[in-house]
C-alpha atoms as a PDB file:
ATOM      1  CA  UNK A   1      -1.585   3.485   3.742  1.00  0.00           C
ATOM      2  CA  UNK A   2      -2.317   5.376   6.980  1.00  0.00           C
ATOM      3  CA  UNK A   3      -1.737   3.736  10.143  1.00  0.00           C
ATOM      4  CA  UNK A   4      -4.210   4.126  12.898  1.00  0.00           C
ATOM      5  CA  UNK A   5      -1.820   6.441  14.966  1.00  0.00           C
ATOM      6  CA  UNK A   6      -2.084   8.826  11.808  1.00  0.00           C
ATOM      7  CA  UNK A   7      -5.681   8.558  11.482  1.00  0.00           C
ATOM      8  CA  UNK A   8      -6.064   9.739  15.373  1.00  0.00           C
ATOM      9  CA  UNK A   9      -3.715  12.724  14.488  1.00  0.00           C
ATOM     10  CA  UNK A  10      -5.805  13.668  11.656  1.00  0.00           C
ATOM     11  CA  UNK A  11      -8.871  13.760  13.722  1.00  0.00           C
ATOM     12  CA  UNK A  12      -7.367  15.443  16.351  1.00  0.00           C
ATOM     13  CA  UNK A  13      -5.911  17.988  13.762  1.00  0.00           C
ATOM     14  CA  UNK A  14      -9.119  18.530  12.321  1.00  0.00           C
ATOM     15  CA  UNK A  15     -10.847  19.332  15.730  1.00  0.00           C
ATOM     16  CA  UNK A  16      -8.232  21.926  16.434  1.00  0.00           C
ATOM     17  CA  UNK A  17      -9.674  24.416  13.695  1.00  0.00           C
ATOM     18  CA  UNK A  18     -11.031  26.581  16.159  1.00  0.00           C
ATOM     19  CA  UNK A  19      -9.413  25.603  19.239  1.00  0.00           C
ATOM     20  CA  UNK A  20      -5.930  26.855  20.748  1.00  0.00           C
ATOM     21  CA  UNK A  21      -2.607  25.581  19.855  1.00  0.00           C
ATOM     22  CA  UNK A  22      -2.793  23.144  22.648  1.00  0.00           C
ATOM     23  CA  UNK A  23      -3.723  20.223  20.489  1.00  0.00           C
ATOM     24  CA  UNK A  24      -0.954  21.189  18.001  1.00  0.00           C
ATOM     25  CA  UNK A  25       1.618  21.183  20.856  1.00  0.00           C
ATOM     26  CA  UNK A  26       0.107  17.757  21.987  1.00  0.00           C
ATOM     27  CA  UNK A  27       0.712  16.117  18.360  1.00  0.00           C
ATOM     28  CA  UNK A  28       4.078  17.645  18.072  1.00  0.00           C
ATOM     29  CA  UNK A  29       4.910  15.823  21.142  1.00  0.00           C
ATOM     30  CA  UNK A  30       3.275  12.606  20.218  1.00  0.00           C
ATOM     31  CA  UNK A  31       5.549  13.130  16.808  1.00  0.00           C
ATOM     32  CA  UNK A  32       8.681  13.345  18.773  1.00  0.00           C
ATOM     33  CA  UNK A  33       7.828  10.329  20.833  1.00  0.00           C
ATOM     34  CA  UNK A  34       7.147   8.274  17.793  1.00  0.00           C
ATOM     35  CA  UNK A  35      10.517   9.608  16.262  1.00  0.00           C
ATOM     36  CA  UNK A  36      12.358   8.576  19.321  1.00  0.00           C
ATOM     37  CA  UNK A  37      10.697   4.892  19.587  1.00  0.00           C
ATOM     38  CA  UNK A  38      11.879   4.539  15.934  1.00  0.00           C
ATOM     39  CA  UNK A  39      15.389   5.520  16.553  1.00  0.00           C
ATOM     40  CA  UNK A  40      15.521   3.289  19.608  1.00  0.00           C
ATOM     41  CA  UNK A  41      14.340   0.114  17.351  1.00  0.00           C
ATOM     42  CA  UNK A  42      16.077   1.078  14.272  1.00  0.00           C
ATOM     43  CA  UNK A  43      19.574   1.263  16.091  1.00  0.00           C
ATOM     44  CA  UNK A  44      19.015  -1.519  18.045  1.00  0.00           C
ATOM     45  CA  UNK A  45      20.787  -4.943  17.301  1.00  0.00           C
ATOM     46  CA  UNK A  46      19.595  -8.518  18.186  1.00  0.00           C
ATOM     47  CA  UNK A  47      16.707 -10.481  18.291  1.00  0.00           C
ATOM     48  CA  UNK A  48      14.549  -8.143  20.296  1.00  0.00           C
ATOM     49  CA  UNK A  49      15.104  -5.357  18.192  1.00  0.00           C
ATOM     50  CA  UNK A  50      14.388  -7.237  14.833  1.00  0.00           C
ATOM     51  CA  UNK A  51      11.195  -8.519  16.623  1.00  0.00           C
ATOM     52  CA  UNK A  52      10.276  -4.952  17.655  1.00  0.00           C
ATOM     53  CA  UNK A  53      11.027  -3.956  13.863  1.00  0.00           C
ATOM     54  CA  UNK A  54       8.566  -6.688  12.794  1.00  0.00           C
ATOM     55  CA  UNK A  55       5.802  -5.697  15.007  1.00  0.00           C
ATOM     56  CA  UNK A  56       6.312  -1.990  14.087  1.00  0.00           C
ATOM     57  CA  UNK A  57       6.134  -2.927  10.031  1.00  0.00           C
ATOM     58  CA  UNK A  58       3.129  -5.402  10.697  1.00  0.00           C
ATOM     59  CA  UNK A  59       1.029  -2.452  12.851  1.00  0.00           C
ATOM     60  CA  UNK A  60       1.573  -0.158   9.826  1.00  0.00           C
ATOM     61  CA  UNK A  61       4.903   1.545  11.202  1.00  0.00           C
ATOM     62  CA  UNK A  62       3.649   3.640  13.978  1.00  0.00           C
ATOM     63  CA  UNK A  63       7.029   4.325  14.770  1.00  0.00           C
ATOM     64  CA  UNK A  64       8.873   6.154  11.988  1.00  0.00           C
ATOM     65  CA  UNK A  65      11.698   8.566  11.505  1.00  0.00           C
ATOM     66  CA  UNK A  66      11.115  12.182  11.471  1.00  0.00           C
ATOM     67  CA  UNK A  67      11.513  12.351   7.653  1.00  0.00           C
ATOM     68  CA  UNK A  68       8.686   9.695   7.184  1.00  0.00           C
ATOM     69  CA  UNK A  69       6.450  11.635   9.665  1.00  0.00           C
ATOM     70  CA  UNK A  70       6.780  14.829   8.262  1.00  0.00           C
ATOM     71  CA  UNK A  71       6.200  13.141   4.675  1.00  0.00           C
ATOM     72  CA  UNK A  72       2.855  11.428   6.182  1.00  0.00           C
ATOM     73  CA  UNK A  73       1.784  14.860   7.278  1.00  0.00           C
ATOM     74  CA  UNK A  74       2.265  16.391   4.158  1.00  0.00           C
ATOM     75  CA  UNK A  75       0.439  13.728   2.271  1.00  0.00           C
ATOM     76  CA  UNK A  76      -2.363  14.239   4.778  1.00  0.00           C
ATOM     77  CA  UNK A  77      -2.580  17.705   3.925  1.00  0.00           C
ATOM     78  CA  UNK A  78      -2.307  17.384   0.497  1.00  0.00           C
ATOM     79  CA  UNK A  79       1.256  18.111  -0.273  1.00  0.00           C
ATOM     80  CA  UNK A  80       0.330  21.932  -0.121  1.00  0.00           C
ATOM     81  CA  UNK A  81      -1.958  21.513  -3.160  1.00  0.00           C
ATOM     82  CA  UNK A  82      -4.693  24.123  -3.121  1.00  0.00           C
ATOM     83  CA  UNK A  83      -8.063  22.985  -4.225  1.00  0.00           C
ATOM     84  CA  UNK A  84      -8.871  23.159  -7.827  1.00  0.00           C
ATOM     85  CA  UNK A  85     -11.030  26.032  -9.049  1.00  0.00           C
ATOM     86  CA  UNK A  86     -14.439  24.753 -10.283  1.00  0.00           C
ATOM     87  CA  UNK A  87     -14.656  24.658 -14.034  1.00  0.00           C
ATOM     88  CA  UNK A  88     -15.085  22.854 -16.960  1.00  0.00           C
ATOM     89  CA  UNK A  89     -13.990  19.040 -16.769  1.00  0.00           C
ATOM     90  CA  UNK A  90     -10.671  18.484 -18.560  1.00  0.00           C
ATOM     91  CA  UNK A  91     -11.164  16.855 -21.997  1.00  0.00           C
ATOM     92  CA  UNK A  92     -11.276  12.784 -22.345  1.00  0.00           C
ATOM     93  CA  UNK A  93      -8.044  11.414 -23.197  1.00  0.00           C
ATOM     94  CA  UNK A  94      -7.988   9.305 -26.041  1.00  0.00           C
ATOM     95  CA  UNK A  95      -5.853   6.580 -24.165  1.00  0.00           C
ATOM     96  CA  UNK A  96      -7.987   4.588 -21.726  1.00  0.00           C
ATOM     97  CA  UNK A  97      -6.889   4.110 -18.154  1.00  0.00           C
ATOM     98  CA  UNK A  98      -5.099   0.666 -17.533  1.00  0.00           C
ATOM     99  CA  UNK A  99      -5.739  -0.669 -14.042  1.00  0.00           C
ATOM    100  CA  UNK A 100      -2.463  -1.907 -12.368  1.00  0.00           C
ATOM    101  CA  UNK A 101      -1.755  -5.318 -12.288  1.00  0.00           C
ATOM    102  CA  UNK A 102       0.748  -6.832  -9.794  1.00  0.00           C
ATOM    103  CA  UNK A 103       1.866 -10.622  -9.401  1.00  0.00           C
ATOM    104  CA  UNK A 104       3.020 -11.198  -5.827  1.00  0.00           C
ATOM    105  CA  UNK A 105       5.280 -14.191  -5.116  1.00  0.00           C
ATOM    106  CA  UNK A 106       8.043 -15.642  -2.983  1.00  0.00           C
ATOM    107  CA  UNK A 107      11.015 -16.220  -5.065  1.00  0.00           C
ATOM    108  CA  UNK A 108      12.162 -19.484  -3.277  1.00  0.00           C
ATOM    109  CA  UNK A 109       9.034 -21.430  -3.320  1.00  0.00           C
ATOM    110  CA  UNK A 110       6.444 -19.994  -6.056  1.00  0.00           C
ATOM    111  CA  UNK A 111       8.604 -18.542  -8.739  1.00  0.00           C
ATOM    112  CA  UNK A 112       7.568 -21.312 -11.264  1.00  0.00           C
ATOM    113  CA  UNK A 113       3.904 -20.860 -10.674  1.00  0.00           C
ATOM    114  CA  UNK A 114       4.384 -16.988 -10.775  1.00  0.00           C
ATOM    115  CA  UNK A 115       5.726 -17.732 -14.418  1.00  0.00           C
ATOM    116  CA  UNK A 116       2.323 -19.349 -15.398  1.00  0.00           C
ATOM    117  CA  UNK A 117       0.439 -16.338 -14.280  1.00  0.00           C
ATOM    118  CA  UNK A 118       2.580 -14.062 -16.198  1.00  0.00           C
ATOM    119  CA  UNK A 119       2.138 -16.261 -19.274  1.00  0.00           C
ATOM    120  CA  UNK A 120      -1.724 -15.640 -19.095  1.00  0.00           C
ATOM    121  CA  UNK A 121      -1.314 -11.803 -18.671  1.00  0.00           C
ATOM    122  CA  UNK A 122       1.281 -11.895 -21.674  1.00  0.00           C
ATOM    123  CA  UNK A 123      -1.042 -14.156 -23.986  1.00  0.00           C
ATOM    124  CA  UNK A 124      -3.678 -11.220 -23.211  1.00  0.00           C
ATOM    125  CA  UNK A 125      -1.248  -8.281 -23.718  1.00  0.00           C
ATOM    126  CA  UNK A 126      -1.701  -7.314 -20.125  1.00  0.00           C
ATOM    127  CA  UNK A 127       0.827  -4.954 -18.775  1.00  0.00           C
ATOM    128  CA  UNK A 128       2.023  -6.168 -15.281  1.00  0.00           C
ATOM    129  CA  UNK A 129       4.709  -6.011 -12.349  1.00  0.00           C
ATOM    130  CA  UNK A 130       6.208  -9.092 -10.871  1.00  0.00           C
ATOM    131  CA  UNK A 131       6.900  -8.422  -7.192  1.00  0.00           C
ATOM    132  CA  UNK A 132       9.118 -10.941  -4.852  1.00  0.00           C
ATOM    133  CA  UNK A 133       7.741 -10.841  -1.288  1.00  0.00           C
ATOM    134  CA  UNK A 134      10.818 -12.054   0.319  1.00  0.00           C
ATOM    135  CA  UNK A 135      11.895  -9.989   3.123  1.00  0.00           C
ATOM    136  CA  UNK A 136       9.304  -7.567   2.746  1.00  0.00           C
ATOM    137  CA  UNK A 137       6.959  -8.128   5.894  1.00  0.00           C
ATOM    138  CA  UNK A 138       4.884  -5.244   5.572  1.00  0.00           C
ATOM    139  CA  UNK A 139       3.695  -6.218   2.101  1.00  0.00           C
ATOM    140  CA  UNK A 140       3.446  -9.831   2.918  1.00  0.00           C
ATOM    141  CA  UNK A 141       0.894  -8.772   5.625  1.00  0.00           C
ATOM    142  CA  UNK A 142      -0.812  -6.244   3.221  1.00  0.00           C
ATOM    143  CA  UNK A 143      -1.161  -9.394   0.692  1.00  0.00           C
ATOM    144  CA  UNK A 144      -2.246 -11.986   3.503  1.00  0.00           C
ATOM    145  CA  UNK A 145      -5.041  -9.510   4.323  1.00  0.00           C
ATOM    146  CA  UNK A 146      -6.390  -8.816   0.943  1.00  0.00           C
ATOM    147  CA  UNK A 147      -5.782 -12.435  -0.091  1.00  0.00           C
ATOM    148  CA  UNK A 148      -8.480 -13.706   2.210  1.00  0.00           C
ATOM    149  CA  UNK A 149      -6.974 -17.065   2.762  1.00  0.00           C
ATOM    150  CA  UNK A 150      -5.995 -18.100  -0.852  1.00  0.00           C
ATOM    151  CA  UNK A 151      -2.501 -19.328  -1.620  1.00  0.00           C
ATOM    152  CA  UNK A 152       0.158 -17.798  -3.761  1.00  0.00           C
ATOM    153  CA  UNK A 153       1.285 -16.728  -5.971  1.00  0.00           C
ATOM    154  CA  UNK A 154      -1.300 -14.055  -6.444  1.00  0.00           C
ATOM    155  CA  UNK A 155      -2.525 -11.638  -8.926  1.00  0.00           C
ATOM    156  CA  UNK A 156      -4.204  -8.319  -8.044  1.00  0.00           C
ATOM    157  CA  UNK A 157      -5.865  -5.945 -10.181  1.00  0.00           C
ATOM    158  CA  UNK A 158      -6.379  -2.478  -9.011  1.00  0.00           C
ATOM    159  CA  UNK A 159      -5.604  -3.463  -5.537  1.00  0.00           C
ATOM    160  CA  UNK A 160      -8.260  -6.293  -5.257  1.00  0.00           C
ATOM    161  CA  UNK A 161      -6.793  -9.999  -5.352  1.00  0.00           C
ATOM    162  CA  UNK A 162      -8.192 -11.943  -8.364  1.00  0.00           C
ATOM    163  CA  UNK A 163      -6.540 -14.990  -7.163  1.00  0.00           C
ATOM    164  CA  UNK A 164      -4.010 -17.569  -8.517  1.00  0.00           C
ATOM    165  CA  UNK A 165      -3.594 -19.247 -11.901  1.00  0.00           C
ATOM    166  CA  UNK A 166      -7.040 -21.096 -11.839  1.00  0.00           C
ATOM    167  CA  UNK A 167      -9.013 -17.720 -11.280  1.00  0.00           C
ATOM    168  CA  UNK A 168      -7.105 -16.079 -13.640  1.00  0.00           C
ATOM    169  CA  UNK A 169      -7.400 -18.557 -16.489  1.00  0.00           C
ATOM    170  CA  UNK A 170     -11.065 -18.422 -15.701  1.00  0.00           C
ATOM    171  CA  UNK A 171     -11.306 -14.732 -16.057  1.00  0.00           C
ATOM    172  CA  UNK A 172      -9.254 -14.565 -18.950  1.00  0.00           C
ATOM    173  CA  UNK A 173     -11.401 -17.290 -20.675  1.00  0.00           C
ATOM    174  CA  UNK A 174     -14.829 -15.276 -20.117  1.00  0.00           C
ATOM    175  CA  UNK A 175     -13.316 -12.044 -21.025  1.00  0.00           C
ATOM    176  CA  UNK A 176     -13.561 -10.423 -17.676  1.00  0.00           C
ATOM    177  CA  UNK A 177      -9.715 -10.163 -17.256  1.00  0.00           C
ATOM    178  CA  UNK A 178      -9.377  -7.794 -20.034  1.00  0.00           C
ATOM    179  CA  UNK A 179     -12.661  -5.966 -18.679  1.00  0.00           C
ATOM    180  CA  UNK A 180     -11.090  -5.668 -15.568  1.00  0.00           C
ATOM    181  CA  UNK A 181      -7.504  -4.106 -16.647  1.00  0.00           C
ATOM    182  CA  UNK A 182      -9.068  -2.013 -19.630  1.00  0.00           C
ATOM    183  CA  UNK A 183     -12.517  -1.101 -18.627  1.00  0.00           C
ATOM    184  CA  UNK A 184     -15.668  -1.588 -20.420  1.00  0.00           C
END
């Protein structure tokens, strides 16, 4: 996930294509500020530093280490990958693409219900990943955002929230579960 500050940086970098190096210098300065902000909250102890780290995570980590900022920049630029030459499309593989299926739950509160979701997935021979949300505030925020008010545990297929046990059972019953995971 690219945060808002990274989007602004990409826009600014895109605008500098014919411009002088002033924008590049300004972006380098902003990256240094973001790294110093991260160092300040990462090394701090106490409730204030913990609260600052939570806010930073909730906002998509605008303050980050130099390594993480460099990785984000490389990702935005395609990790140095050149554009592929236009040619014939690659041959179709015999194995169909399988949409990723993830079940998110809280270990202490929802582990029994998570087992019911996994039973439905296993009964339909669907590969899945089980993720505990305890202590992962950034993932918790993303799941809450995408769940649109649904309670957990929740099943996501290809990044889209399907819902809980009732929705998953209904989807499996009408054949929609396999269609969403394995395609048409």
